[in-house]
């Protein structure tokens, strides 16, 4: 399961790099292309978070060792804050707002993406080795703590609706 999570991180980095390439454009690219890149990244993030929630965080929080539970709580709380910020970012930056403030969107999106890269790096350096070293059985899943599907649809609606009409 850790292999799957690491592979997900590789894919998220690739999708984020594809978005960053569009953000490097001085002029807003085609609205549909931009919306597609945003949704491809967001969709993969949602799938990964749902998987990680069921297979890793829930297990860490139920571990009998207090230090493992504490690390799980810390990482899960941080993730909740980061995801709230990401969700607000995605919902705020509708295609119309992106078209009206391309430079503002570029700046905010780069910051959000670089924060995601930092979080992925920390998980790989600290959290995943803890799960392996502490012999956490992440091969099975438990009930998720968040309704990721509901969040995904709300983000998709904000990113996609009107993307074909939005131009800078």
Protein backbone atom coordinates (compact mmCIF):
# COMPACT_ATOMS: atom_id res chain seq x y z
CA UNK A 1 0.00 0.00 0.00
CA UNK A 2 2.86 2.41 0.66
CA UNK A 3 3.99 1.70 -2.89
CA UNK A 4 0.57 2.83 -4.15
CA UNK A 5 0.74 6.03 -2.09
CA UNK A 6 4.25 6.79 -3.36
CA UNK A 7 3.11 6.14 -6.94
CA UNK A 8 0.18 8.51 -6.35
CA UNK A 9 2.66 11.17 -5.25
CA UNK A 10 4.60 10.75 -8.49
CA UNK A 11 1.40 11.19 -10.50
CA UNK A 12 0.36 14.23 -8.43
CA UNK A 13 3.76 15.84 -9.06
CA UNK A 14 3.43 15.17 -12.80
CA UNK A 15 -0.07 16.63 -12.93
CA UNK A 16 1.02 19.62 -10.84
CA UNK A 17 3.99 20.19 -13.13
CA UNK A 18 1.62 20.20 -16.12
CA UNK A 19 -0.47 22.86 -14.38
CA UNK A 20 2.64 24.86 -13.46
CA UNK A 21 3.65 24.86 -17.13
CA UNK A 22 0.38 26.65 -17.94
CA UNK A 23 0.89 29.03 -15.04
CA UNK A 24 4.21 30.05 -16.59
CA UNK A 25 2.31 31.57 -19.54
CA UNK A 26 2.08 35.36 -19.38
CA UNK A 27 -1.28 35.18 -21.16
CA UNK A 28 -4.08 32.95 -19.93
CA UNK A 29 -4.19 29.70 -21.92
CA UNK A 30 -7.34 28.18 -23.35
CA UNK A 31 -9.95 28.01 -20.59
CA UNK A 32 -10.90 24.40 -21.32
CA UNK A 33 -7.27 23.25 -21.25
CA UNK A 34 -6.67 25.07 -17.97
CA UNK A 35 -9.85 23.65 -16.41
CA UNK A 36 -8.87 20.16 -17.54
CA UNK A 37 -5.39 20.43 -16.00
CA UNK A 38 -6.83 21.79 -12.76
CA UNK A 39 -9.42 19.03 -12.59
CA UNK A 40 -6.93 16.29 -13.45
CA UNK A 41 -4.79 17.36 -10.52
CA UNK A 42 -7.71 17.90 -8.15
CA UNK A 43 -9.28 14.57 -9.04
CA UNK A 44 -6.07 12.70 -8.38
CA UNK A 45 -5.57 14.54 -5.09
CA UNK A 46 -9.09 13.54 -3.98
CA UNK A 47 -8.57 9.91 -4.89
CA UNK A 48 -5.25 9.85 -3.07
CA UNK A 49 -6.61 11.53 0.04
CA UNK A 50 -9.54 9.13 0.23
CA UNK A 51 -7.18 6.18 -0.10
CA UNK A 52 -4.71 7.59 2.42
CA UNK A 53 -7.52 8.38 4.84
CA UNK A 54 -8.86 4.83 4.76
CA UNK A 55 -5.56 2.97 4.71
CA UNK A 56 -3.15 5.12 6.69
CA UNK A 57 -4.63 7.89 8.85
CA UNK A 58 -7.42 5.80 10.32
CA UNK A 59 -4.87 3.13 11.24
CA UNK A 60 -2.47 5.61 12.82
CA UNK A 61 -5.26 7.12 14.90
CA UNK A 62 -6.31 3.69 16.19
CA UNK A 63 -2.81 2.47 16.98
CA UNK A 64 -2.22 1.36 20.57
CA UNK A 65 1.01 3.36 20.83
CA UNK A 66 0.43 6.96 21.97
CA UNK A 67 3.31 8.42 19.96
CA UNK A 68 1.97 6.85 16.75
CA UNK A 69 -1.54 8.18 17.44
CA UNK A 70 -0.11 11.65 18.15
CA UNK A 71 1.82 11.75 14.89
CA UNK A 72 -1.31 10.55 13.08
CA UNK A 73 -3.39 13.31 14.72
CA UNK A 74 -0.77 15.93 13.86
CA UNK A 75 -0.57 14.95 10.21
CA UNK A 76 -4.32 14.54 9.86
CA UNK A 77 -4.98 17.97 11.42
CA UNK A 78 -2.43 19.57 9.10
CA UNK A 79 -4.00 17.80 6.14
CA UNK A 80 -7.45 19.06 7.11
CA UNK A 81 -6.15 22.65 7.16
CA UNK A 82 -4.32 22.24 3.86
CA UNK A 83 -7.30 20.62 2.21
CA UNK A 84 -9.65 23.34 3.44
CA UNK A 85 -7.33 25.93 1.92
CA UNK A 86 -7.10 23.94 -1.32
CA UNK A 87 -10.86 23.52 -1.53
CA UNK A 88 -11.43 27.23 -0.90
CA UNK A 89 -8.81 28.08 -3.52
CA UNK A 90 -10.43 25.81 -6.13
CA UNK A 91 -13.92 27.10 -5.40
CA UNK A 92 -12.87 30.74 -5.37
CA UNK A 93 -10.95 30.60 -8.64
CA UNK A 94 -13.83 29.96 -10.99
CA UNK A 95 -13.09 30.24 -14.72
CA UNK A 96 -14.55 33.76 -14.75
CA UNK A 97 -12.33 34.91 -11.85
CA UNK A 98 -9.28 33.31 -13.45
CA UNK A 99 -10.00 35.19 -16.68
CA UNK A 100 -10.45 38.46 -14.79
CA UNK A 101 -7.27 38.07 -12.72
CA UNK A 102 -4.87 35.70 -14.47
CA UNK A 103 -1.82 36.99 -12.58
CA UNK A 104 -3.57 36.67 -9.21
CA UNK A 105 -4.60 33.12 -10.06
CA UNK A 106 -1.07 32.26 -11.19
CA UNK A 107 0.43 33.55 -7.95
CA UNK A 108 -2.14 31.82 -5.71
CA UNK A 109 -1.94 28.56 -7.64
CA UNK A 110 1.85 28.43 -7.59
CA UNK A 111 1.81 28.97 -3.83
CA UNK A 112 -0.80 26.23 -3.37
CA UNK A 113 1.13 23.81 -5.60
CA UNK A 114 4.46 24.43 -3.90
CA UNK A 115 2.77 23.85 -0.54
CA UNK A 116 1.46 20.53 -1.84
CA UNK A 117 4.96 19.55 -2.95
CA UNK A 118 6.31 20.37 0.52
CA UNK A 119 3.60 18.27 2.17
CA UNK A 120 4.29 15.31 -0.13
CA UNK A 121 8.00 15.54 0.64
CA UNK A 122 7.31 15.54 4.39
CA UNK A 123 4.98 12.55 4.15
CA UNK A 124 7.60 10.60 2.24
CA UNK A 125 10.39 11.57 4.64
CA UNK A 126 8.52 11.26 7.96
CA UNK A 127 5.09 9.67 7.79
CA UNK A 128 5.50 6.77 5.40
CA UNK A 129 8.69 5.50 7.10
CA UNK A 130 6.83 5.68 10.43
CA UNK A 131 4.06 3.49 9.04
CA UNK A 132 6.60 0.99 7.75
CA UNK A 133 8.83 1.05 10.85
CA UNK A 134 5.87 0.83 13.25
CA UNK A 135 4.49 -2.12 11.27
CA UNK A 136 1.14 -0.43 10.67
CA UNK A 137 -1.02 -2.79 8.61
CA UNK A 138 -2.26 -0.53 5.85
CA UNK A 139 -3.28 -3.36 3.54
CA UNK A 140 -6.91 -3.18 4.67
CA UNK A 141 -9.11 -0.15 4.99
CA UNK A 142 -11.48 1.36 7.50
CA UNK A 143 -14.22 3.95 7.19
CA UNK A 144 -12.99 7.34 5.96
CA UNK A 145 -13.25 10.41 8.15
CA UNK A 146 -14.18 12.76 5.29
CA UNK A 147 -16.71 12.57 2.46
CA UNK A 148 -14.14 13.04 -0.29
CA UNK A 149 -16.65 12.48 -3.11
CA UNK A 150 -18.83 15.39 -1.99
CA UNK A 151 -15.78 17.66 -1.85
CA UNK A 152 -14.57 16.46 -5.25
CA UNK A 153 -17.85 17.26 -6.98
CA UNK A 154 -17.98 20.75 -5.46
CA UNK A 155 -14.43 21.45 -6.62
CA UNK A 156 -15.12 20.03 -10.08
CA UNK A 157 -18.18 22.23 -10.47
CA UNK A 158 -16.19 25.34 -9.54
CA UNK A 159 -13.32 24.51 -11.90
CA UNK A 160 -15.32 23.32 -14.92
CA UNK A 161 -18.49 25.40 -15.10
CA UNK A 162 -18.02 28.17 -17.62
CA UNK A 163 -14.48 27.16 -18.57
CA UNK A 164 -15.28 27.25 -22.28
CA UNK A 165 -16.50 30.84 -22.08
CA UNK A 166 -13.72 32.22 -19.86
CA UNK A 167 -10.99 34.10 -21.68
CA UNK A 168 -8.61 36.76 -20.53
